[in-house]
Every structure is written in structure tokens, then in C-alpha cells.
Amino acid sequence: MKMSVDYGKLGERVRKQRERGCMSQAKLAEAADVSIQHISNIENAKTKVSLEKLVDIANVLDCSMDELVCDSLVKAKVIYVNEAVGMFSRFSDAQVRALPEFLRSCTYFFHIMEKNMRREDV
């Protein structure tokens, strides 16, 4: 199965990681040894970033490459699980208690969607 890189999602993740670290585009650009315009173009999916520069950016942002390109990976479940765990840590106790029921509802909904998709494929 061949998947192409989703540069839009990659750019969004670079921006979110940069903002999470309270870093400006200028600071990221300087640390990764690229121009501010290049960082802007990456974040807005106007350019493709080289593997070497993406490694530099991931290192500056203190994140893994997987975290930046997970939207283009077939096997990225662990990244999404970790992302969800990070979200859960910001929830109140009442919100966390409601999550299992919410997830059961989602599971039921996904089951129905998959069933309908299989019918359409036949």
C-alpha cells in the first residue's frame, strides 16, 4: 500500500508543535537553519521539506518524526494514542469518567459506518 506525504497535515503538526513550545517561526527558522519564509511555506503546505530539514525541525521542536508525519503513515496508532493521552491529562475527573461511554458510542458508530462501507463495496 503506497501512501503519499500529506504536506498539509505535516505543516499543521509543525505549527502546532511550534506553538505548543511557545516558539515563533523566526526562532524555529534560526534554530533549524532555514528562512522564516521556508517555515511559513512548510506550515502552509506551499513547499515540500527535505528529510534532512524535517529531522532538524523535529529536533528543534523536541518531537519525533512520527509525530510530524503520522497522518501519512499506515501504522501510526501509537502516535494517536499518545496524542489522546495528552488530551486526557487536561480533562477534569468528571470528563475522564464520561470518556468510556463516549468511546463506546464512537465504537458503535464506527461499526455501523464500516458495515455500510462494506455494503457499498459489494
PDB file of N, CA and C in Angstrom:
ATOM      1  N   MET A   1       0.850  -1.176   0.000  1.00  0.00           N
ATOM      2  CA  MET A   1       0.000   0.000   0.000  1.00  0.00           C
ATOM      3  C   MET A   1       0.896   1.240   0.000  1.00  0.00           C
ATOM      4  N   LYS A   2       0.702   2.081  -0.980  1.00  0.00           N
ATOM      5  CA  LYS A   2       1.503   3.295  -1.093  1.00  0.00           C
ATOM      6  C   LYS A   2       0.702   4.486  -0.603  1.00  0.00           C
ATOM      7  N   MET A   3       1.303   5.231   0.306  1.00  0.00           N
ATOM      8  CA  MET A   3       0.681   6.470   0.781  1.00  0.00           C
ATOM      9  C   MET A   3       1.632   7.614   0.491  1.00  0.00           C
ATOM     10  N   SER A   4       1.088   8.719   0.072  1.00  0.00           N
ATOM     11  CA  SER A   4       1.929   9.887  -0.162  1.00  0.00           C
ATOM     12  C   SER A   4       1.934  10.756   1.098  1.00  0.00           C
ATOM     13  N   VAL A   5       2.902  11.628   1.176  1.00  0.00           N
ATOM     14  CA  VAL A   5       3.012  12.522   2.320  1.00  0.00           C
ATOM     15  C   VAL A   5       1.922  13.586   2.223  1.00  0.00           C
ATOM     16  N   ASP A   6       1.188  13.743   3.296  1.00  0.00           N
ATOM     17  CA  ASP A   6       0.164  14.782   3.379  1.00  0.00           C
ATOM     18  C   ASP A   6       0.845  16.036   3.927  1.00  0.00           C
ATOM     19  N   TYR A   7       1.316  16.895   3.021  1.00  0.00           N
ATOM     20  CA  TYR A   7       2.072  18.077   3.428  1.00  0.00           C
ATOM     21  C   TYR A   7       1.218  19.089   4.179  1.00  0.00           C
ATOM     22  N   GLY A   8      -0.081  19.076   3.931  1.00  0.00           N
ATOM     23  CA  GLY A   8      -0.978  19.955   4.684  1.00  0.00           C
ATOM     24  C   GLY A   8      -1.005  19.579   6.147  1.00  0.00           C
ATOM     25  N   LYS A   9      -1.190  18.285   6.411  1.00  0.00           N
ATOM     26  CA  LYS A   9      -1.210  17.797   7.792  1.00  0.00           C
ATOM     27  C   LYS A   9       0.160  17.949   8.438  1.00  0.00           C
ATOM     28  N   LEU A  10       1.224  17.684   7.677  1.00  0.00           N
ATOM     29  CA  LEU A  10       2.578  17.858   8.186  1.00  0.00           C
ATOM     30  C   LEU A  10       2.784  19.301   8.631  1.00  0.00           C
ATOM     31  N   GLY A  11       2.389  20.241   7.804  1.00  0.00           N
ATOM     32  CA  GLY A  11       2.527  21.657   8.145  1.00  0.00           C
ATOM     33  C   GLY A  11       1.735  22.036   9.386  1.00  0.00           C
ATOM     34  N   GLU A  12       0.518  21.496   9.494  1.00  0.00           N
ATOM     35  CA  GLU A  12      -0.303  21.759  10.678  1.00  0.00           C
ATOM     36  C   GLU A  12       0.386  21.251  11.935  1.00  0.00           C
ATOM     37  N   ARG A  13       0.973  20.056  11.836  1.00  0.00           N
ATOM     38  CA  ARG A  13       1.633  19.480  13.005  1.00  0.00           C
ATOM     39  C   ARG A  13       2.900  20.240  13.386  1.00  0.00           C
ATOM     40  N   VAL A  14       3.635  20.722  12.389  1.00  0.00           N
ATOM     41  CA  VAL A  14       4.815  21.555  12.677  1.00  0.00           C
ATOM     42  C   VAL A  14       4.368  22.816  13.415  1.00  0.00           C
ATOM     43  N   ARG A  15       3.328  23.455  12.892  1.00  0.00           N
ATOM     44  CA  ARG A  15       2.817  24.675  13.526  1.00  0.00           C
ATOM     45  C   ARG A  15       2.350  24.420  14.953  1.00  0.00           C
ATOM     46  N   LYS A  16       1.579  23.338  15.151  1.00  0.00           N
ATOM     47  CA  LYS A  16       1.065  23.030  16.495  1.00  0.00           C
ATOM     48  C   LYS A  16       2.201  22.742  17.473  1.00  0.00           C
ATOM     49  N   GLN A  17       3.205  21.986  17.021  1.00  0.00           N
ATOM     50  CA  GLN A  17       4.348  21.695  17.898  1.00  0.00           C
ATOM     51  C   GLN A  17       5.110  22.983  18.215  1.00  0.00           C
ATOM     52  N   ARG A  18       5.273  23.832  17.223  1.00  0.00           N
ATOM     53  CA  ARG A  18       5.973  25.108  17.422  1.00  0.00           C
ATOM     54  C   ARG A  18       5.217  25.971  18.422  1.00  0.00           C
ATOM     55  N   GLU A  19       3.904  26.087  18.244  1.00  0.00           N
ATOM     56  CA  GLU A  19       3.087  26.897  19.151  1.00  0.00           C
ATOM     57  C   GLU A  19       3.037  26.289  20.544  1.00  0.00           C
ATOM     58  N   ARG A  20       2.994  24.962  20.621  1.00  0.00           N
ATOM     59  CA  ARG A  20       2.990  24.284  21.922  1.00  0.00           C
ATOM     60  C   ARG A  20       4.253  24.647  22.710  1.00  0.00           C
ATOM     61  N   GLY A  21       5.353  24.820  21.994  1.00  0.00           N
ATOM     62  CA  GLY A  21       6.606  25.202  22.633  1.00  0.00           C
ATOM     63  C   GLY A  21       6.783  26.707  22.745  1.00  0.00           C
ATOM     64  N   CYS A  22       5.725  27.468  22.457  1.00  0.00           N
ATOM     65  CA  CYS A  22       5.765  28.936  22.517  1.00  0.00           C
ATOM     66  C   CYS A  22       6.939  29.487  21.709  1.00  0.00           C
ATOM     67  N   MET A  23       7.097  28.950  20.505  1.00  0.00           N
ATOM     68  CA  MET A  23       8.216  29.334  19.649  1.00  0.00           C
ATOM     69  C   MET A  23       7.685  30.076  18.425  1.00  0.00           C
ATOM     70  N   SER A  24       8.350  31.138  18.055  1.00  0.00           N
ATOM     71  CA  SER A  24       7.977  31.880  16.852  1.00  0.00           C
ATOM     72  C   SER A  24       8.544  31.171  15.623  1.00  0.00           C
ATOM     73  N   GLN A  25       7.995  31.519  14.476  1.00  0.00           N
ATOM     74  CA  GLN A  25       8.551  30.989  13.231  1.00  0.00           C
ATOM     75  C   GLN A  25      10.009  31.416  13.082  1.00  0.00           C
ATOM     76  N   ALA A  26      10.306  32.632  13.491  1.00  0.00           N
ATOM     77  CA  ALA A  26      11.680  33.142  13.374  1.00  0.00           C
ATOM     78  C   ALA A  26      12.647  32.319  14.220  1.00  0.00           C
ATOM     79  N   LYS A  27      12.241  31.997  15.438  1.00  0.00           N
ATOM     80  CA  LYS A  27      13.119  31.217  16.329  1.00  0.00           C
ATOM     81  C   LYS A  27      13.325  29.804  15.781  1.00  0.00           C
ATOM     82  N   LEU A  28      12.247  29.186  15.284  1.00  0.00           N
ATOM     83  CA  LEU A  28      12.365  27.848  14.692  1.00  0.00           C
ATOM     84  C   LEU A  28      13.246  27.898  13.456  1.00  0.00           C
ATOM     85  N   ALA A  29      13.048  28.897  12.623  1.00  0.00           N
ATOM     86  CA  ALA A  29      13.833  29.027  11.397  1.00  0.00           C
ATOM     87  C   ALA A  29      15.319  29.162  11.717  1.00  0.00           C
ATOM     88  N   GLU A  30      15.637  30.001  12.686  1.00  0.00           N
ATOM     89  CA  GLU A  30      17.037  30.200  13.060  1.00  0.00           C
ATOM     90  C   GLU A  30      17.645  28.906  13.595  1.00  0.00           C
ATOM     91  N   ALA A  31      16.927  28.225  14.485  1.00  0.00           N
ATOM     92  CA  ALA A  31      17.442  27.000  15.094  1.00  0.00           C
ATOM     93  C   ALA A  31      17.583  25.865  14.080  1.00  0.00           C
ATOM     94  N   ALA A  32      16.704  25.827  13.078  1.00  0.00           N
ATOM     95  CA  ALA A  32      16.746  24.771  12.063  1.00  0.00           C
ATOM     96  C   ALA A  32      17.574  25.182  10.847  1.00  0.00           C
ATOM     97  N   ASP A  33      18.119  26.388  10.883  1.00  0.00           N
ATOM     98  CA  ASP A  33      18.967  26.908   9.810  1.00  0.00           C
ATOM     99  C   ASP A  33      18.237  26.972   8.464  1.00  0.00           C
ATOM    100  N   VAL A  34      17.038  27.540   8.512  1.00  0.00           N
ATOM    101  CA  VAL A  34      16.254  27.804   7.295  1.00  0.00           C
ATOM    102  C   VAL A  34      15.682  29.214   7.414  1.00  0.00           C
ATOM    103  N   SER A  35      15.072  29.689   6.342  1.00  0.00           N
ATOM    104  CA  SER A  35      14.469  31.027   6.382  1.00  0.00           C
ATOM    105  C   SER A  35      13.098  30.975   7.050  1.00  0.00           C
ATOM    106  N   ILE A  36      12.678  32.124   7.531  1.00  0.00           N
ATOM    107  CA  ILE A  36      11.332  32.237   8.114  1.00  0.00           C
ATOM    108  C   ILE A  36      10.299  31.899   7.040  1.00  0.00           C
ATOM    109  N   GLN A  37      10.541  32.351   5.819  1.00  0.00           N
ATOM    110  CA  GLN A  37       9.625  32.071   4.710  1.00  0.00           C
ATOM    111  C   GLN A  37       9.496  30.573   4.469  1.00  0.00           C
ATOM    112  N   HIS A  38      10.613  29.842   4.614  1.00  0.00           N
ATOM    113  CA  HIS A  38      10.570  28.393   4.414  1.00  0.00           C
ATOM    114  C   HIS A  38       9.699  27.728   5.482  1.00  0.00           C
ATOM    115  N   ILE A  39       9.841  28.160   6.731  1.00  0.00           N
ATOM    116  CA  ILE A  39       8.983  27.618   7.803  1.00  0.00           C
ATOM    117  C   ILE A  39       7.531  27.942   7.499  1.00  0.00           C
ATOM    118  N   SER A  40       7.244  29.157   7.090  1.00  0.00           N
ATOM    119  CA  SER A  40       5.879  29.542   6.736  1.00  0.00           C
ATOM    120  C   SER A  40       5.354  28.666   5.598  1.00  0.00           C
ATOM    121  N   ASN A  41       6.186  28.448   4.587  1.00  0.00           N
ATOM    122  CA  ASN A  41       5.774  27.622   3.448  1.00  0.00           C
ATOM    123  C   ASN A  41       5.533  26.174   3.860  1.00  0.00           C
ATOM    124  N   ILE A  42       6.330  25.655   4.780  1.00  0.00           N
ATOM    125  CA  ILE A  42       6.115  24.291   5.281  1.00  0.00           C
ATOM    126  C   ILE A  42       4.789  24.230   6.019  1.00  0.00           C
ATOM    127  N   GLU A  43       4.571  25.180   6.919  1.00  0.00           N
ATOM    128  CA  GLU A  43       3.345  25.187   7.721  1.00  0.00           C
ATOM    129  C   GLU A  43       2.098  25.363   6.871  1.00  0.00           C
ATOM    130  N   ASN A  44       2.227  26.027   5.742  1.00  0.00           N
ATOM    131  CA  ASN A  44       1.080  26.257   4.858  1.00  0.00           C
ATOM    132  C   ASN A  44       1.052  25.327   3.652  1.00  0.00           C
ATOM    133  N   ALA A  45       1.902  24.301   3.689  1.00  0.00           N
ATOM    134  CA  ALA A  45       1.967  23.272   2.631  1.00  0.00           C
ATOM    135  C   ALA A  45       2.219  23.869   1.250  1.00  0.00           C
ATOM    136  N   LYS A  46       3.029  24.913   1.207  1.00  0.00           N
ATOM    137  CA  LYS A  46       3.372  25.529  -0.078  1.00  0.00           C
ATOM    138  C   LYS A  46       4.689  24.994  -0.618  1.00  0.00           C
ATOM    139  N   THR A  47       5.375  24.207   0.179  1.00  0.00           N
ATOM    140  CA  THR A  47       6.640  23.631  -0.251  1.00  0.00           C
ATOM    141  C   THR A  47       6.820  22.268   0.396  1.00  0.00           C
ATOM    142  N   LYS A  48       7.608  21.441  -0.239  1.00  0.00           N
ATOM    143  CA  LYS A  48       7.972  20.147   0.330  1.00  0.00           C
ATOM    144  C   LYS A  48       9.266  20.334   1.096  1.00  0.00           C
ATOM    145  N   VAL A  49       9.327  19.767   2.267  1.00  0.00           N
ATOM    146  CA  VAL A  49      10.510  19.898   3.103  1.00  0.00           C
ATOM    147  C   VAL A  49      11.400  18.670   2.903  1.00  0.00           C
ATOM    148  N   SER A  50      12.702  18.875   2.867  1.00  0.00           N
ATOM    149  CA  SER A  50      13.621  17.745   2.709  1.00  0.00           C
ATOM    150  C   SER A  50      13.659  16.933   3.993  1.00  0.00           C
ATOM    151  N   LEU A  51      14.036  15.700   3.858  1.00  0.00           N
ATOM    152  CA  LEU A  51      14.141  14.819   5.017  1.00  0.00           C
ATOM    153  C   LEU A  51      15.124  15.390   6.038  1.00  0.00           C
ATOM    154  N   GLU A  52      16.260  15.902   5.563  1.00  0.00           N
ATOM    155  CA  GLU A  52      17.268  16.462   6.461  1.00  0.00           C
ATOM    156  C   GLU A  52      16.719  17.638   7.258  1.00  0.00           C
ATOM    157  N   LYS A  53      15.994  18.526   6.600  1.00  0.00           N
ATOM    158  CA  LYS A  53      15.438  19.691   7.289  1.00  0.00           C
ATOM    159  C   LYS A  53      14.296  19.287   8.221  1.00  0.00           C
ATOM    160  N   LEU A  54      13.537  18.265   7.831  1.00  0.00           N
ATOM    161  CA  LEU A  54      12.471  17.802   8.708  1.00  0.00           C
ATOM    162  C   LEU A  54      13.064  17.205   9.989  1.00  0.00           C
ATOM    163  N   VAL A  55      14.174  16.501   9.872  1.00  0.00           N
ATOM    164  CA  VAL A  55      14.870  15.981  11.058  1.00  0.00           C
ATOM    165  C   VAL A  55      15.326  17.145  11.933  1.00  0.00           C
ATOM    166  N   ASP A  56      15.904  18.174  11.314  1.00  0.00           N
ATOM    167  CA  ASP A  56      16.334  19.354  12.070  1.00  0.00           C
ATOM    168  C   ASP A  56      15.153  19.996  12.796  1.00  0.00           C
ATOM    169  N   ILE A  57      14.044  20.138  12.089  1.00  0.00           N
ATOM    170  CA  ILE A  57      12.851  20.757  12.676  1.00  0.00           C
ATOM    171  C   ILE A  57      12.325  19.910  13.835  1.00  0.00           C
ATOM    172  N   ALA A  58      12.247  18.602  13.652  1.00  0.00           N
ATOM    173  CA  ALA A  58      11.780  17.713  14.725  1.00  0.00           C
ATOM    174  C   ALA A  58      12.687  17.838  15.945  1.00  0.00           C
ATOM    175  N   ASN A  59      13.987  17.890  15.718  1.00  0.00           N
ATOM    176  CA  ASN A  59      14.922  18.024  16.841  1.00  0.00           C
ATOM    177  C   ASN A  59      14.735  19.347  17.572  1.00  0.00           C
ATOM    178  N   VAL A  60      14.559  20.423  16.830  1.00  0.00           N
ATOM    179  CA  VAL A  60      14.346  21.737  17.455  1.00  0.00           C
ATOM    180  C   VAL A  60      13.034  21.735  18.232  1.00  0.00           C
ATOM    181  N   LEU A  61      12.006  21.109  17.665  1.00  0.00           N
ATOM    182  CA  LEU A  61      10.690  21.077  18.318  1.00  0.00           C
ATOM    183  C   LEU A  61      10.606  20.025  19.416  1.00  0.00           C
ATOM    184  N   ASP A  62      11.674  19.246  19.569  1.00  0.00           N
ATOM    185  CA  ASP A  62      11.737  18.205  20.597  1.00  0.00           C
ATOM    186  C   ASP A  62      10.584  17.205  20.454  1.00  0.00           C
ATOM    187  N   CYS A  63      10.403  16.752  19.216  1.00  0.00           N
ATOM    188  CA  CYS A  63       9.378  15.749  18.952  1.00  0.00           C
ATOM    189  C   CYS A  63       9.955  14.720  17.986  1.00  0.00           C
ATOM    190  N   SER A  64       9.236  13.639  17.784  1.00  0.00           N
ATOM    191  CA  SER A  64       9.703  12.609  16.861  1.00  0.00           C
ATOM    192  C   SER A  64       9.231  12.912  15.441  1.00  0.00           C
ATOM    193  N   MET A  65       9.904  12.325  14.497  1.00  0.00           N
ATOM    194  CA  MET A  65       9.472  12.447  13.099  1.00  0.00           C
ATOM    195  C   MET A  65       8.068  11.854  12.951  1.00  0.00           C
ATOM    196  N   ASP A  66       7.810  10.745  13.649  1.00  0.00           N
ATOM    197  CA  ASP A  66       6.488  10.113  13.593  1.00  0.00           C
ATOM    198  C   ASP A  66       5.387  11.099  13.962  1.00  0.00           C
ATOM    199  N   GLU A  67       5.655  11.927  14.966  1.00  0.00           N
ATOM    200  CA  GLU A  67       4.644  12.893  15.393  1.00  0.00           C
ATOM    201  C   GLU A  67       4.329  13.901  14.290  1.00  0.00           C
ATOM    202  N   LEU A  68       5.292  14.194  13.455  1.00  0.00           N
ATOM    203  CA  LEU A  68       5.080  15.172  12.391  1.00  0.00           C
ATOM    204  C   LEU A  68       4.446  14.562  11.147  1.00  0.00           C
ATOM    205  N   VAL A  69       4.747  13.294  10.852  1.00  0.00           N
ATOM    206  CA  VAL A  69       4.258  12.688   9.606  1.00  0.00           C
ATOM    207  C   VAL A  69       3.220  11.594   9.829  1.00  0.00           C
ATOM    208  N   CYS A  70       2.708  11.458  11.056  1.00  0.00           N
ATOM    209  CA  CYS A  70       1.803  10.342  11.366  1.00  0.00           C
ATOM    210  C   CYS A  70       0.561  10.307  10.472  1.00  0.00           C
ATOM    211  N   ASP A  71       0.138  11.441   9.953  1.00  0.00           N
ATOM    212  CA  ASP A  71      -1.040  11.456   9.075  1.00  0.00           C
ATOM    213  C   ASP A  71      -0.771  10.781   7.738  1.00  0.00           C
ATOM    214  N   SER A  72       0.503  10.536   7.438  1.00  0.00           N
ATOM    215  CA  SER A  72       0.881   9.887   6.187  1.00  0.00           C
ATOM    216  C   SER A  72       1.356   8.455   6.395  1.00  0.00           C
ATOM    217  N   LEU A  73       1.348   7.980   7.644  1.00  0.00           N
ATOM    218  CA  LEU A  73       1.810   6.630   7.952  1.00  0.00           C
ATOM    219  C   LEU A  73       0.643   5.659   8.040  1.00  0.00           C
ATOM    220  N   VAL A  74       0.850   4.451   7.552  1.00  0.00           N
ATOM    221  CA  VAL A  74      -0.181   3.421   7.654  1.00  0.00           C
ATOM    222  C   VAL A  74      -0.295   2.958   9.103  1.00  0.00           C
ATOM    223  N   LYS A  75       0.832   2.748   9.753  1.00  0.00           N
ATOM    224  CA  LYS A  75       0.846   2.252  11.138  1.00  0.00           C
ATOM    225  C   LYS A  75       1.273   3.386  12.059  1.00  0.00           C
ATOM    226  N   ALA A  76       0.315   4.179  12.495  1.00  0.00           N
ATOM    227  CA  ALA A  76       0.609   5.333  13.352  1.00  0.00           C
ATOM    228  C   ALA A  76      -0.246   5.329  14.612  1.00  0.00           C
ATOM    229  N   LYS A  77      -0.846   4.194  14.930  1.00  0.00           N
ATOM    230  CA  LYS A  77      -1.770   4.119  16.055  1.00  0.00           C
ATOM    231  C   LYS A  77      -1.147   4.631  17.346  1.00  0.00           C
ATOM    232  N   VAL A  78       0.098   4.263  17.613  1.00  0.00           N
ATOM    233  CA  VAL A  78       0.742   4.660  18.866  1.00  0.00           C
ATOM    234  C   VAL A  78       0.851   6.176  18.978  1.00  0.00           C
ATOM    235  N   ILE A  79       1.063   6.862  17.872  1.00  0.00           N
ATOM    236  CA  ILE A  79       1.150   8.325  17.898  1.00  0.00           C
ATOM    237  C   ILE A  79      -0.202   8.918  18.293  1.00  0.00           C
ATOM    238  N   TYR A  80      -1.276   8.400  17.702  1.00  0.00           N
ATOM    239  CA  TYR A  80      -2.612   8.913  18.020  1.00  0.00           C
ATOM    240  C   TYR A  80      -3.015   8.575  19.455  1.00  0.00           C
ATOM    241  N   VAL A  81      -2.629   7.399  19.928  1.00  0.00           N
ATOM    242  CA  VAL A  81      -2.919   7.032  21.321  1.00  0.00           C
ATOM    243  C   VAL A  81      -2.200   7.996  22.259  1.00  0.00           C
ATOM    244  N   ASN A  82      -0.927   8.258  21.986  1.00  0.00           N
ATOM    245  CA  ASN A  82      -0.174   9.195  22.830  1.00  0.00           C
ATOM    246  C   ASN A  82      -0.766  10.600  22.776  1.00  0.00           C
ATOM    247  N   GLU A  83      -1.228  11.000  21.598  1.00  0.00           N
ATOM    248  CA  GLU A  83      -1.860  12.311  21.447  1.00  0.00           C
ATOM    249  C   GLU A  83      -3.133  12.378  22.290  1.00  0.00           C
ATOM    250  N   ALA A  84      -3.911  11.300  22.261  1.00  0.00           N
ATOM    251  CA  ALA A  84      -5.146  11.259  23.049  1.00  0.00           C
ATOM    252  C   ALA A  84      -4.837  11.278  24.547  1.00  0.00           C
ATOM    253  N   VAL A  85      -3.817  10.546  24.968  1.00  0.00           N
ATOM    254  CA  VAL A  85      -3.434  10.530  26.383  1.00  0.00           C
ATOM    255  C   VAL A  85      -3.072  11.949  26.827  1.00  0.00           C
ATOM    256  N   GLY A  86      -2.360  12.676  25.979  1.00  0.00           N
ATOM    257  CA  GLY A  86      -2.025  14.060  26.299  1.00  0.00           C
ATOM    258  C   GLY A  86      -3.271  14.921  26.463  1.00  0.00           C
ATOM    259  N   MET A  87      -4.267  14.656  25.640  1.00  0.00           N
ATOM    260  CA  MET A  87      -5.527  15.401  25.754  1.00  0.00           C
ATOM    261  C   MET A  87      -6.244  15.036  27.048  1.00  0.00           C
ATOM    262  N   PHE A  88      -6.256  13.746  27.384  1.00  0.00           N
ATOM    263  CA  PHE A  88      -6.959  13.289  28.582  1.00  0.00           C
ATOM    264  C   PHE A  88      -6.389  13.933  29.836  1.00  0.00           C
ATOM    265  N   SER A  89      -5.095  14.191  29.839  1.00  0.00           N
ATOM    266  CA  SER A  89      -4.471  14.755  31.037  1.00  0.00           C
ATOM    267  C   SER A  89      -5.000  16.157  31.340  1.00  0.00           C
ATOM    268  N   ARG A  90      -5.598  16.818  30.370  1.00  0.00           N
ATOM    269  CA  ARG A  90      -6.146  18.161  30.586  1.00  0.00           C
ATOM    270  C   ARG A  90      -7.634  18.124  30.973  1.00  0.00           C
ATOM    271  N   PHE A  91      -8.243  16.933  30.966  1.00  0.00           N
ATOM    272  CA  PHE A  91      -9.656  16.810  31.302  1.00  0.00           C
ATOM    273  C   PHE A  91      -9.846  16.786  32.815  1.00  0.00           C
ATOM    274  N   SER A  92     -11.029  17.212  33.230  1.00  0.00           N
ATOM    275  CA  SER A  92     -11.398  17.112  34.646  1.00  0.00           C
ATOM    276  C   SER A  92     -11.733  15.653  34.967  1.00  0.00           C
ATOM    277  N   ASP A  93     -11.846  15.342  36.258  1.00  0.00           N
ATOM    278  CA  ASP A  93     -12.217  13.978  36.659  1.00  0.00           C
ATOM    279  C   ASP A  93     -13.571  13.584  36.075  1.00  0.00           C
ATOM    280  N   ALA A  94     -14.527  14.506  36.078  1.00  0.00           N
ATOM    281  CA  ALA A  94     -15.863  14.213  35.541  1.00  0.00           C
ATOM    282  C   ALA A  94     -15.783  13.919  34.040  1.00  0.00           C
ATOM    283  N   GLN A  95     -14.963  14.674  33.325  1.00  0.00           N
ATOM    284  CA  GLN A  95     -14.816  14.441  31.890  1.00  0.00           C
ATOM    285  C   GLN A  95     -14.158  13.095  31.617  1.00  0.00           C
ATOM    286  N   VAL A  96     -13.169  12.743  32.399  1.00  0.00           N
ATOM    287  CA  VAL A  96     -12.494  11.450  32.222  1.00  0.00           C
ATOM    288  C   VAL A  96     -13.468  10.310  32.496  1.00  0.00           C
ATOM    289  N   ARG A  97     -14.319  10.463  33.507  1.00  0.00           N
ATOM    290  CA  ARG A  97     -15.307   9.415  33.808  1.00  0.00           C
ATOM    291  C   ARG A  97     -16.299   9.237  32.664  1.00  0.00           C
ATOM    292  N   ALA A  98     -16.566  10.278  31.912  1.00  0.00           N
ATOM    293  CA  ALA A  98     -17.512  10.196  30.795  1.00  0.00           C
ATOM    294  C   ALA A  98     -16.882   9.584  29.545  1.00  0.00           C
ATOM    295  N   LEU A  99     -15.556   9.538  29.483  1.00  0.00           N
ATOM    296  CA  LEU A  99     -14.879   9.065  28.268  1.00  0.00           C
ATOM    297  C   LEU A  99     -15.206   7.631  27.863  1.00  0.00           C
ATOM    298  N   PRO A 100     -15.225   6.672  28.772  1.00  0.00           N
ATOM    299  CA  PRO A 100     -15.527   5.297  28.328  1.00  0.00           C
ATOM    300  C   PRO A 100     -16.875   5.185  27.609  1.00  0.00           C
ATOM    301  N   GLU A 101     -17.888   5.846  28.124  1.00  0.00           N
ATOM    302  CA  GLU A 101     -19.203   5.791  27.470  1.00  0.00           C
ATOM    303  C   GLU A 101     -19.145   6.473  26.100  1.00  0.00           C
ATOM    304  N   PHE A 102     -18.451   7.584  26.034  1.00  0.00           N
ATOM    305  CA  PHE A 102     -18.283   8.282  24.766  1.00  0.00           C
ATOM    306  C   PHE A 102     -17.566   7.384  23.762  1.00  0.00           C
ATOM    307  N   LEU A 103     -16.504   6.722  24.187  1.00  0.00           N
ATOM    308  CA  LEU A 103     -15.747   5.841  23.289  1.00  0.00           C
ATOM    309  C   LEU A 103     -16.569   4.631  22.853  1.00  0.00           C
ATOM    310  N   ARG A 104     -17.406   4.108  23.758  1.00  0.00           N
ATOM    311  CA  ARG A 104     -18.295   3.005  23.363  1.00  0.00           C
ATOM    312  C   ARG A 104     -19.250   3.475  22.265  1.00  0.00           C
ATOM    313  N   SER A 105     -19.778   4.685  22.402  1.00  0.00           N
ATOM    314  CA  SER A 105     -20.671   5.244  21.378  1.00  0.00           C
ATOM    315  C   SER A 105     -19.933   5.394  20.053  1.00  0.00           C
ATOM    316  N   CYS A 106     -18.695   5.873  20.131  1.00  0.00           N
ATOM    317  CA  CYS A 106     -17.887   6.030  18.909  1.00  0.00           C
ATOM    318  C   CYS A 106     -17.639   4.675  18.258  1.00  0.00           C
ATOM    319  N   THR A 107     -17.335   3.672  19.074  1.00  0.00           N
ATOM    320  CA  THR A 107     -17.079   2.336  18.554  1.00  0.00           C
ATOM    321  C   THR A 107     -18.308   1.810  17.826  1.00  0.00           C
ATOM    322  N   TYR A 108     -19.482   2.000  18.407  1.00  0.00           N
ATOM    323  CA  TYR A 108     -20.729   1.574  17.772  1.00  0.00           C
ATOM    324  C   TYR A 108     -20.928   2.317  16.458  1.00  0.00           C
ATOM    325  N   PHE A 109     -20.693   3.621  16.459  1.00  0.00           N
ATOM    326  CA  PHE A 109     -20.834   4.439  15.255  1.00  0.00           C
ATOM    327  C   PHE A 109     -19.864   3.970  14.167  1.00  0.00           C
ATOM    328  N   PHE A 110     -18.590   3.715  14.527  1.00  0.00           N
ATOM    329  CA  PHE A 110     -17.598   3.247  13.558  1.00  0.00           C
ATOM    330  C   PHE A 110     -17.995   1.887  12.985  1.00  0.00           C
ATOM    331  N   HIS A 111     -18.550   1.027  13.828  1.00  0.00           N
ATOM    332  CA  HIS A 111     -19.002  -0.295  13.376  1.00  0.00           C
ATOM    333  C   HIS A 111     -20.089  -0.145  12.304  1.00  0.00           C
ATOM    334  N   ILE A 112     -21.034   0.731  12.541  1.00  0.00           N
ATOM    335  CA  ILE A 112     -22.115   0.967  11.575  1.00  0.00           C
ATOM    336  C   ILE A 112     -21.541   1.546  10.277  1.00  0.00           C
ATOM    337  N   MET A 113     -20.620   2.489  10.393  1.00  0.00           N
ATOM    338  CA  MET A 113     -20.008   3.075   9.197  1.00  0.00           C
ATOM    339  C   MET A 113     -19.284   2.012   8.372  1.00  0.00           C
ATOM    340  N   GLU A 114     -18.502   1.164   9.032  1.00  0.00           N
ATOM    341  CA  GLU A 114     -17.751   0.120   8.323  1.00  0.00           C
ATOM    342  C   GLU A 114     -18.704  -0.855   7.650  1.00  0.00           C
ATOM    343  N   LYS A 115     -19.787  -1.192   8.327  1.00  0.00           N
ATOM    344  CA  LYS A 115     -20.786  -2.099   7.765  1.00  0.00           C
ATOM    345  C   LYS A 115     -21.391  -1.504   6.496  1.00  0.00           C
ATOM    346  N   ASN A 116     -21.728  -0.219   6.557  1.00  0.00           N
ATOM    347  CA  ASN A 116     -22.287   0.457   5.378  1.00  0.00           C
ATOM    348  C   ASN A 116     -21.292   0.559   4.249  1.00  0.00           C
ATOM    349  N   MET A 117     -20.023   0.786   4.583  1.00  0.00           N
ATOM    350  CA  MET A 117     -18.984   0.870   3.555  1.00  0.00           C
ATOM    351  C   MET A 117     -18.796  -0.476   2.871  1.00  0.00           C
ATOM    352  N   ARG A 118     -18.856  -1.562   3.638  1.00  0.00           N
ATOM    353  CA  ARG A 118     -18.723  -2.912   3.036  1.00  0.00           C
ATOM    354  C   ARG A 118     -19.887  -3.172   2.091  1.00  0.00           C
ATOM    355  N   ARG A 119     -21.084  -2.726   2.433  1.00  0.00           N
ATOM    356  CA  ARG A 119     -22.260  -2.903   1.560  1.00  0.00           C
ATOM    357  C   ARG A 119     -22.062  -2.163   0.246  1.00  0.00           C
ATOM    358  N   GLU A 120     -21.492  -0.968   0.320  1.00  0.00           N
ATOM    359  CA  GLU A 120     -21.270  -0.161  -0.885  1.00  0.00           C
ATOM    360  C   GLU A 120     -20.217  -0.804  -1.785  1.00  0.00           C
ATOM    361  N   ASP A 121     -19.265  -1.526  -1.193  1.00  0.00           N
ATOM    362  CA  ASP A 121     -18.210  -2.163  -1.968  1.00  0.00           C
ATOM    363  C   ASP A 121     -18.712  -3.397  -2.723  1.00  0.00           C
ATOM    364  N   VAL A 122     -19.827  -3.974  -2.293  1.00  0.00           N
ATOM    365  CA  VAL A 122     -20.343  -5.189  -2.903  1.00  0.00           C
ATOM    366  C   VAL A 122     -21.075  -4.906  -4.172  1.00  0.00           C
TER     367      VAL A 122
END
